[in-house]
């Protein structure tokens, strides 16, 4: 494990991109027509947030976001962490575990 260094240019870019995307996701999920507005339990909203976060991060050049994989290379959809973000230029991996 490596700590994030906000003084490192690559880390700072990833932090900014994640922050910007999270702001977009929050705005979308808080909209009246959001799919999470009619859910009975907040736990049911997590996958909507993760899917939109993954979709928006994958639109950013230089980033690749997907679900983590097991040692057998199977997708790990449940459990921690929720998302695996790779800065493709350096292959630096960041794990995201958003909470509602």
C-alpha atoms as a PDB file:
ATOM      1  CA  UNK A   1       0.000   0.000   0.000  1.00  0.00           C
ATOM      2  CA  UNK A   2       1.148   3.488  -0.839  1.00  0.00           C
ATOM      3  CA  UNK A   3      -0.266   6.621   0.690  1.00  0.00           C
ATOM      4  CA  UNK A   4      -1.660   9.331  -1.526  1.00  0.00           C
ATOM      5  CA  UNK A   5       0.671  12.291  -1.805  1.00  0.00           C
ATOM      6  CA  UNK A   6      -1.283  15.437  -2.701  1.00  0.00           C
ATOM      7  CA  UNK A   7       2.029  17.120  -3.612  1.00  0.00           C
ATOM      8  CA  UNK A   8       2.644  14.485  -6.285  1.00  0.00           C
ATOM      9  CA  UNK A   9       1.291  15.683  -9.651  1.00  0.00           C
ATOM     10  CA  UNK A  10      -0.235  12.331 -10.606  1.00  0.00           C
ATOM     11  CA  UNK A  11      -1.900  11.838  -7.242  1.00  0.00           C
ATOM     12  CA  UNK A  12      -3.190  15.422  -7.260  1.00  0.00           C
ATOM     13  CA  UNK A  13      -4.751  14.901 -10.714  1.00  0.00           C
ATOM     14  CA  UNK A  14      -6.460  11.697  -9.608  1.00  0.00           C
ATOM     15  CA  UNK A  15      -7.778  13.366  -6.460  1.00  0.00           C
ATOM     16  CA  UNK A  16      -9.124  16.294  -8.492  1.00  0.00           C
ATOM     17  CA  UNK A  17     -10.739  14.005 -11.058  1.00  0.00           C
ATOM     18  CA  UNK A  18     -12.361  11.843  -8.384  1.00  0.00           C
ATOM     19  CA  UNK A  19     -13.577  14.939  -6.540  1.00  0.00           C
ATOM     20  CA  UNK A  20     -15.071  16.458  -9.697  1.00  0.00           C
ATOM     21  CA  UNK A  21     -16.785  13.197 -10.621  1.00  0.00           C
ATOM     22  CA  UNK A  22     -18.154  12.756  -7.104  1.00  0.00           C
ATOM     23  CA  UNK A  23     -19.676  16.232  -7.301  1.00  0.00           C
ATOM     24  CA  UNK A  24     -21.346  15.293 -10.606  1.00  0.00           C
ATOM     25  CA  UNK A  25     -22.613  11.993  -9.195  1.00  0.00           C
ATOM     26  CA  UNK A  26     -24.051  13.685  -6.109  1.00  0.00           C
ATOM     27  CA  UNK A  27     -25.795  16.276  -8.247  1.00  0.00           C
ATOM     28  CA  UNK A  28     -27.303  13.560 -10.461  1.00  0.00           C
ATOM     29  CA  UNK A  29     -28.362  11.324  -7.578  1.00  0.00           C
ATOM     30  CA  UNK A  30     -29.979  14.243  -5.747  1.00  0.00           C
ATOM     31  CA  UNK A  31     -32.035  15.212  -8.806  1.00  0.00           C
ATOM     32  CA  UNK A  32     -35.799  14.602  -8.549  1.00  0.00           C
ATOM     33  CA  UNK A  33     -35.708  12.114 -11.447  1.00  0.00           C
ATOM     34  CA  UNK A  34     -32.795  10.103 -10.026  1.00  0.00           C
ATOM     35  CA  UNK A  35     -33.348   6.343  -9.775  1.00  0.00           C
ATOM     36  CA  UNK A  36     -32.414   6.431  -6.079  1.00  0.00           C
ATOM     37  CA  UNK A  37     -35.174   8.848  -5.100  1.00  0.00           C
ATOM     38  CA  UNK A  38     -37.794   6.101  -4.879  1.00  0.00           C
ATOM     39  CA  UNK A  39     -35.773   3.376  -3.212  1.00  0.00           C
ATOM     40  CA  UNK A  40     -37.053   2.027   0.083  1.00  0.00           C
ATOM     41  CA  UNK A  41     -33.608   1.597   1.683  1.00  0.00           C
ATOM     42  CA  UNK A  42     -30.386   3.579   1.321  1.00  0.00           C
ATOM     43  CA  UNK A  43     -28.438   0.300   0.994  1.00  0.00           C
ATOM     44  CA  UNK A  44     -30.141  -0.232  -2.355  1.00  0.00           C
ATOM     45  CA  UNK A  45     -28.695   3.042  -3.661  1.00  0.00           C
ATOM     46  CA  UNK A  46     -25.036   2.046  -3.372  1.00  0.00           C
ATOM     47  CA  UNK A  47     -24.849   0.189  -6.670  1.00  0.00           C
ATOM     48  CA  UNK A  48     -26.384   3.179  -8.497  1.00  0.00           C
ATOM     49  CA  UNK A  49     -23.683   5.466  -7.068  1.00  0.00           C
ATOM     50  CA  UNK A  50     -20.877   3.008  -7.820  1.00  0.00           C
ATOM     51  CA  UNK A  51     -22.067   2.404 -11.389  1.00  0.00           C
ATOM     52  CA  UNK A  52     -22.343   6.113 -12.192  1.00  0.00           C
ATOM     53  CA  UNK A  53     -19.015   6.852 -10.516  1.00  0.00           C
ATOM     54  CA  UNK A  54     -17.358   4.086 -12.552  1.00  0.00           C
ATOM     55  CA  UNK A  55     -18.984   5.275 -15.779  1.00  0.00           C
ATOM     56  CA  UNK A  56     -17.891   8.892 -15.302  1.00  0.00           C
ATOM     57  CA  UNK A  57     -14.337   8.023 -14.221  1.00  0.00           C
ATOM     58  CA  UNK A  58     -13.930   5.839 -17.307  1.00  0.00           C
ATOM     59  CA  UNK A  59     -14.728   8.847 -19.501  1.00  0.00           C
ATOM     60  CA  UNK A  60     -11.640  10.654 -18.221  1.00  0.00           C
ATOM     61  CA  UNK A  61      -8.582  10.062 -20.425  1.00  0.00           C
ATOM     62  CA  UNK A  62      -5.815   8.363 -18.486  1.00  0.00           C
ATOM     63  CA  UNK A  63      -8.100   6.677 -15.957  1.00  0.00           C
ATOM     64  CA  UNK A  64      -9.596   3.213 -15.944  1.00  0.00           C
ATOM     65  CA  UNK A  65     -12.157   2.248 -13.316  1.00  0.00           C
ATOM     66  CA  UNK A  66     -13.715  -1.147 -12.757  1.00  0.00           C
ATOM     67  CA  UNK A  67     -14.596  -3.589 -10.012  1.00  0.00           C
ATOM     68  CA  UNK A  68     -11.703  -5.257  -8.212  1.00  0.00           C
ATOM     69  CA  UNK A  69     -10.794  -8.810  -9.171  1.00  0.00           C
ATOM     70  CA  UNK A  70      -9.990 -11.806  -7.017  1.00  0.00           C
ATOM     71  CA  UNK A  71      -6.712 -13.692  -7.204  1.00  0.00           C
ATOM     72  CA  UNK A  72      -8.554 -16.045  -9.610  1.00  0.00           C
ATOM     73  CA  UNK A  73      -9.265 -12.986 -11.834  1.00  0.00           C
ATOM     74  CA  UNK A  74     -13.002 -13.050 -11.121  1.00  0.00           C
ATOM     75  CA  UNK A  75     -14.910  -9.806 -10.656  1.00  0.00           C
ATOM     76  CA  UNK A  76     -15.433  -9.031  -6.990  1.00  0.00           C
ATOM     77  CA  UNK A  77     -18.721  -7.117  -7.005  1.00  0.00           C
ATOM     78  CA  UNK A  78     -19.494  -7.335  -3.320  1.00  0.00           C
ATOM     79  CA  UNK A  79     -17.112  -6.618  -0.488  1.00  0.00           C
ATOM     80  CA  UNK A  80     -14.392  -4.052   0.015  1.00  0.00           C
ATOM     81  CA  UNK A  81     -13.111  -2.096  -1.773  1.00  0.00           C
ATOM     82  CA  UNK A  82     -15.897  -1.296  -4.208  1.00  0.00           C
ATOM     83  CA  UNK A  83     -13.919   0.109  -7.144  1.00  0.00           C
ATOM     84  CA  UNK A  84     -10.407  -0.161  -8.552  1.00  0.00           C
ATOM     85  CA  UNK A  85      -9.120   2.970 -10.302  1.00  0.00           C
ATOM     86  CA  UNK A  86      -5.954   2.844 -12.398  1.00  0.00           C
ATOM     87  CA  UNK A  87      -4.007   5.845 -13.629  1.00  0.00           C
ATOM     88  CA  UNK A  88      -3.042   4.281 -16.950  1.00  0.00           C
ATOM     89  CA  UNK A  89       0.117   6.332 -17.565  1.00  0.00           C
ATOM     90  CA  UNK A  90       1.764   5.005 -14.406  1.00  0.00           C
ATOM     91  CA  UNK A  91      -0.375   1.912 -13.692  1.00  0.00           C
ATOM     92  CA  UNK A  92      -0.816   3.296 -10.197  1.00  0.00           C
ATOM     93  CA  UNK A  93      -3.849   1.688  -8.559  1.00  0.00           C
ATOM     94  CA  UNK A  94      -6.276   3.484  -6.272  1.00  0.00           C
ATOM     95  CA  UNK A  95      -9.097   1.727  -4.446  1.00  0.00           C
ATOM     96  CA  UNK A  96     -12.357   3.545  -3.862  1.00  0.00           C
ATOM     97  CA  UNK A  97     -14.947   2.568  -1.298  1.00  0.00           C
ATOM     98  CA  UNK A  98     -17.730   5.178  -1.437  1.00  0.00           C
ATOM     99  CA  UNK A  99     -20.178   5.222   1.459  1.00  0.00           C
ATOM    100  CA  UNK A 100     -23.642   6.704   1.612  1.00  0.00           C
END
